N, C-alpha and C. Protein backbone atom coordinates (compact mmCIF):
# COMPACT_ATOMS: atom_id res chain seq x y z
N MET A 1 3.46 -14.64 -8.36
CA MET A 1 3.07 -14.12 -7.17
C MET A 1 4.50 -13.36 -6.67
N ARG A 2 5.87 -13.78 -7.27
CA ARG A 2 7.26 -12.96 -7.11
C ARG A 2 7.18 -12.34 -7.93
N LEU A 3 6.52 -11.98 -9.19
CA LEU A 3 6.63 -11.15 -10.32
C LEU A 3 6.04 -9.98 -9.76
N TYR A 4 4.43 -9.90 -9.49
CA TYR A 4 3.65 -9.50 -8.79
C TYR A 4 4.03 -8.38 -8.11
N LYS A 5 4.85 -9.03 -7.10
CA LYS A 5 5.38 -8.58 -5.70
C LYS A 5 6.66 -7.60 -5.91
N ALA A 6 7.11 -8.24 -6.78
CA ALA A 6 8.98 -7.47 -7.25
C ALA A 6 8.47 -6.50 -8.66
N LEU A 7 7.33 -6.63 -9.19
CA LEU A 7 7.48 -5.27 -10.02
C LEU A 7 6.12 -4.75 -10.26
N VAL A 8 5.00 -5.44 -10.00
CA VAL A 8 3.44 -4.50 -9.89
C VAL A 8 3.39 -4.12 -8.64
N LEU A 9 3.21 -4.56 -7.53
CA LEU A 9 2.99 -4.07 -6.18
C LEU A 9 3.84 -2.66 -5.75
N PRO A 10 5.41 -2.56 -6.08
CA PRO A 10 5.98 -1.21 -6.17
C PRO A 10 5.10 0.08 -6.72
N ILE A 11 4.63 -0.11 -7.87
CA ILE A 11 4.48 0.52 -8.97
C ILE A 11 2.83 0.88 -8.47
N MET A 12 1.97 0.17 -7.48
CA MET A 12 0.97 0.54 -7.42
C MET A 12 0.82 1.23 -5.96
N GLU A 13 1.98 0.79 -5.31
CA GLU A 13 2.15 1.32 -3.80
C GLU A 13 2.87 3.17 -3.84
N TYR A 14 3.36 3.10 -5.18
CA TYR A 14 4.10 4.46 -5.06
C TYR A 14 3.00 5.46 -4.95
N GLY A 15 3.53 6.43 -4.44
CA GLY A 15 2.91 7.79 -3.84
C GLY A 15 1.54 7.66 -2.36
N THR A 16 1.50 6.46 -1.83
CA THR A 16 0.52 6.10 -1.28
C THR A 16 0.92 7.18 -0.05
N ALA A 17 1.89 7.51 0.73
CA ALA A 17 2.04 8.66 1.46
C ALA A 17 0.96 9.67 0.99
N ALA A 18 0.94 10.29 0.10
CA ALA A 18 0.19 11.34 -0.86
C ALA A 18 -1.61 11.00 -0.81
N THR A 19 -1.43 9.84 -0.57
CA THR A 19 -3.19 9.74 -0.55
C THR A 19 -3.75 9.23 0.98
N VAL A 20 -2.85 9.42 1.80
CA VAL A 20 -3.42 9.04 3.25
C VAL A 20 -4.73 9.71 3.20
N THR A 21 -5.12 10.93 2.99
CA THR A 21 -6.55 10.95 2.80
C THR A 21 -7.40 10.84 2.12
N ALA A 22 -6.83 10.03 0.77
CA ALA A 22 -8.12 9.65 0.19
C ALA A 22 -9.15 8.30 0.65
N THR A 23 -10.27 8.31 -0.18
CA THR A 23 -11.29 7.80 0.68
C THR A 23 -10.58 5.78 0.00
N ASP A 24 -11.16 5.08 0.70
CA ASP A 24 -10.92 3.63 0.25
C ASP A 24 -11.34 3.52 -1.40
N LYS A 25 -11.96 3.97 -1.85
CA LYS A 25 -12.54 3.85 -3.01
C LYS A 25 -11.58 3.67 -4.34
N ALA A 26 -9.97 4.39 -4.05
CA ALA A 26 -8.89 4.29 -4.69
C ALA A 26 -8.35 3.22 -4.46
N THR A 27 -8.34 2.51 -3.42
CA THR A 27 -7.42 1.49 -3.15
C THR A 27 -8.12 0.45 -3.74
N LYS A 28 -9.36 0.15 -3.47
CA LYS A 28 -10.73 -0.80 -3.95
C LYS A 28 -10.33 -0.60 -5.79
N GLU A 29 -10.41 0.14 -6.50
CA GLU A 29 -9.95 -0.01 -7.88
C GLU A 29 -8.81 -0.50 -8.34
N LEU A 30 -7.88 -0.76 -7.39
CA LEU A 30 -6.35 -1.27 -7.61
C LEU A 30 -6.49 -2.80 -7.27
N GLU A 31 -7.31 -3.51 -6.28
CA GLU A 31 -7.65 -4.85 -6.09
C GLU A 31 -8.15 -5.78 -7.11
N PRO A 32 -8.58 -5.54 -8.37
CA PRO A 32 -8.30 -6.42 -9.10
C PRO A 32 -7.29 -6.62 -9.69
N VAL A 33 -6.38 -5.75 -9.89
CA VAL A 33 -5.27 -5.89 -10.19
C VAL A 33 -4.47 -7.20 -9.72
N GLN A 34 -4.51 -7.16 -8.00
CA GLN A 34 -3.89 -8.16 -7.19
C GLN A 34 -4.53 -9.35 -7.79
N ARG A 35 -5.85 -9.31 -7.59
CA ARG A 35 -6.70 -10.44 -7.86
C ARG A 35 -6.57 -11.13 -9.27
N SER A 36 -5.72 -10.11 -10.24
CA SER A 36 -5.34 -11.12 -11.41
C SER A 36 -4.03 -11.89 -11.16
N ALA A 37 -3.60 -11.60 -10.44
CA ALA A 37 -2.10 -12.27 -10.34
C ALA A 37 -2.00 -13.20 -9.42
N MET A 38 -2.82 -13.53 -8.94
CA MET A 38 -3.57 -14.95 -7.90
C MET A 38 -4.74 -15.53 -9.08
N LEU A 39 -4.69 -15.49 -10.37
CA LEU A 39 -5.41 -16.16 -11.22
C LEU A 39 -5.91 -17.58 -10.32
N SER A 40 -7.01 -17.94 -10.31
CA SER A 40 -7.60 -19.27 -9.95
C SER A 40 -9.08 -19.08 -9.37
N SER A 41 -9.44 -20.02 -9.25
CA SER A 41 -11.21 -20.04 -8.94
C SER A 41 -11.26 -19.84 -7.45
N THR A 42 -10.55 -20.02 -6.96
CA THR A 42 -10.38 -19.93 -5.67
C THR A 42 -10.51 -18.52 -5.04
N SER A 43 -11.29 -18.43 -3.76
CA SER A 43 -11.83 -16.86 -3.48
C SER A 43 -10.24 -16.23 -3.15
N THR A 44 -10.47 -14.79 -3.45
CA THR A 44 -9.42 -13.74 -3.17
C THR A 44 -9.27 -13.88 -1.52
N VAL A 45 -9.97 -14.01 -0.83
CA VAL A 45 -9.07 -14.42 0.87
C VAL A 45 -8.35 -15.81 1.03
N ALA A 46 -8.88 -16.62 0.27
CA ALA A 46 -8.17 -18.14 0.45
C ALA A 46 -6.57 -17.81 -0.23
N LEU A 47 -6.84 -17.21 -1.38
CA LEU A 47 -5.40 -16.67 -2.29
C LEU A 47 -4.36 -16.20 -1.63
N GLU A 48 -4.86 -14.99 -0.79
CA GLU A 48 -4.01 -14.24 0.03
C GLU A 48 -3.62 -14.86 0.89
N VAL A 49 -4.18 -16.04 1.63
CA VAL A 49 -3.67 -16.52 2.80
C VAL A 49 -2.54 -17.50 2.10
N LEU A 50 -2.69 -18.05 1.01
CA LEU A 50 -2.03 -19.28 0.66
C LEU A 50 -1.05 -18.90 -0.16
N THR A 51 -1.03 -17.16 -0.55
CA THR A 51 0.36 -16.79 -1.12
C THR A 51 1.04 -15.85 -0.26
N ASN A 52 0.78 -15.47 1.19
CA ASN A 52 0.98 -14.56 1.74
C ASN A 52 0.81 -13.25 1.49
N THR A 53 0.00 -13.27 1.12
CA THR A 53 -0.16 -11.66 0.38
C THR A 53 -1.28 -10.76 1.49
N LEU A 54 -0.92 -9.89 1.47
CA LEU A 54 -2.02 -8.93 2.50
C LEU A 54 -2.91 -8.32 1.48
N PRO A 55 -4.39 -8.17 2.06
CA PRO A 55 -5.36 -7.67 1.28
C PRO A 55 -4.73 -6.17 1.02
N LEU A 56 -4.95 -5.47 -0.23
CA LEU A 56 -4.24 -4.29 -0.59
C LEU A 56 -4.49 -3.12 0.30
N THR A 57 -5.95 -3.14 0.75
CA THR A 57 -6.29 -2.18 1.59
C THR A 57 -5.46 -1.77 2.51
N ILE A 58 -5.22 -3.22 3.55
CA ILE A 58 -4.09 -3.43 4.15
C ILE A 58 -2.88 -2.81 4.22
N HIS A 59 -2.30 -3.29 2.94
CA HIS A 59 -1.35 -3.26 2.78
C HIS A 59 -0.80 -1.53 2.29
N MET A 60 -1.93 -1.13 1.77
CA MET A 60 -1.47 0.16 1.58
C MET A 60 -1.78 1.48 2.60
N LYS A 61 -2.75 0.70 3.76
CA LYS A 61 -2.34 1.36 5.07
C LYS A 61 -0.84 1.19 5.62
N MET A 62 -0.37 0.10 5.76
CA MET A 62 0.70 -0.16 6.38
C MET A 62 1.73 0.93 5.64
N ARG A 63 1.82 0.98 4.37
CA ARG A 63 2.77 1.77 3.56
C ARG A 63 2.56 3.31 4.31
N GLN A 64 1.26 3.79 4.47
CA GLN A 64 1.00 5.03 4.58
C GLN A 64 1.60 5.13 5.70
N ALA A 65 1.04 4.43 7.04
CA ALA A 65 1.96 4.33 8.39
C ALA A 65 3.41 4.54 8.43
N GLN A 66 4.29 3.73 7.81
CA GLN A 66 5.51 3.66 7.63
C GLN A 66 6.13 5.12 7.40
N GLU A 67 5.21 5.85 6.11
CA GLU A 67 6.07 7.04 5.58
C GLU A 67 5.40 8.10 6.74
N MET A 68 4.26 7.80 7.38
CA MET A 68 4.12 8.89 8.49
C MET A 68 5.14 8.81 9.75
N VAL A 69 5.58 7.68 9.94
CA VAL A 69 6.72 7.31 10.79
C VAL A 69 7.89 7.86 10.17
N ARG A 70 8.12 7.75 9.04
CA ARG A 70 9.53 8.28 8.79
C ARG A 70 9.47 9.63 8.96
N ILE A 71 8.28 10.44 8.52
CA ILE A 71 8.39 11.99 8.76
C ILE A 71 8.43 12.14 9.89
N VAL A 72 7.88 11.59 11.02
CA VAL A 72 7.87 12.03 12.72
C VAL A 72 9.15 11.84 12.79
N THR A 73 10.10 11.28 12.54
CA THR A 73 11.25 10.65 13.20
C THR A 73 12.38 11.88 12.70
N LYS A 74 11.84 12.59 11.83
CA LYS A 74 12.99 13.30 10.87
C LYS A 74 13.26 14.58 11.99
N THR A 75 14.49 15.34 11.36
CA THR A 75 14.63 16.33 12.61
C THR A 75 13.99 17.45 12.61
N ASP A 76 13.66 18.03 13.75
CA ASP A 76 12.72 19.47 13.70
C ASP A 76 12.80 20.50 12.78
N ASN A 77 14.13 19.92 12.17
CA ASN A 77 14.32 21.77 11.03
C ASN A 77 14.48 21.17 9.65
N ASP A 78 14.28 19.79 9.43
CA ASP A 78 13.50 19.20 8.05
C ASP A 78 12.19 19.98 7.62
N PRO A 79 12.26 20.55 6.40
CA PRO A 79 11.18 21.03 5.65
C PRO A 79 10.20 19.84 5.74
N LEU A 80 10.16 18.85 5.56
CA LEU A 80 9.02 18.08 5.73
C LEU A 80 8.26 17.88 6.76
N LYS A 81 8.85 17.85 7.71
CA LYS A 81 8.35 17.75 9.00
C LYS A 81 7.32 18.96 9.54
N GLN A 82 8.13 20.29 9.20
CA GLN A 82 7.84 21.47 9.41
C GLN A 82 6.21 21.29 8.70
N ASP A 83 6.42 20.82 7.44
CA ASP A 83 5.03 21.03 6.85
C ASP A 83 3.72 20.15 7.25
N PHE A 84 4.26 18.72 7.95
CA PHE A 84 3.52 17.90 8.37
C PHE A 84 2.87 18.50 9.50
N ASN A 85 3.62 18.95 10.15
CA ASN A 85 3.63 19.52 11.93
C ASN A 85 2.46 20.56 11.86
N ASN A 86 2.56 21.46 10.88
CA ASN A 86 1.50 22.71 10.59
C ASN A 86 0.09 21.69 10.09
């Protein structure tokens, strides 16, 4: 899980800010990657609890929310914030 969280998860969450309007289908397609990192005959939900891992759909929504907060807290003359406000 340490390797997954350090190497794989950052790659999967790259660009999540751009996928705010994407459907959950895009995230659902990444869930098997997380599941394979937790290889076991135990259910995915139980493994997520045991390994202290958020479900991928929740994790991606959290990263998107963090990115939105980052954009909103920028100064008013920042081009990114101006595009966001439009």
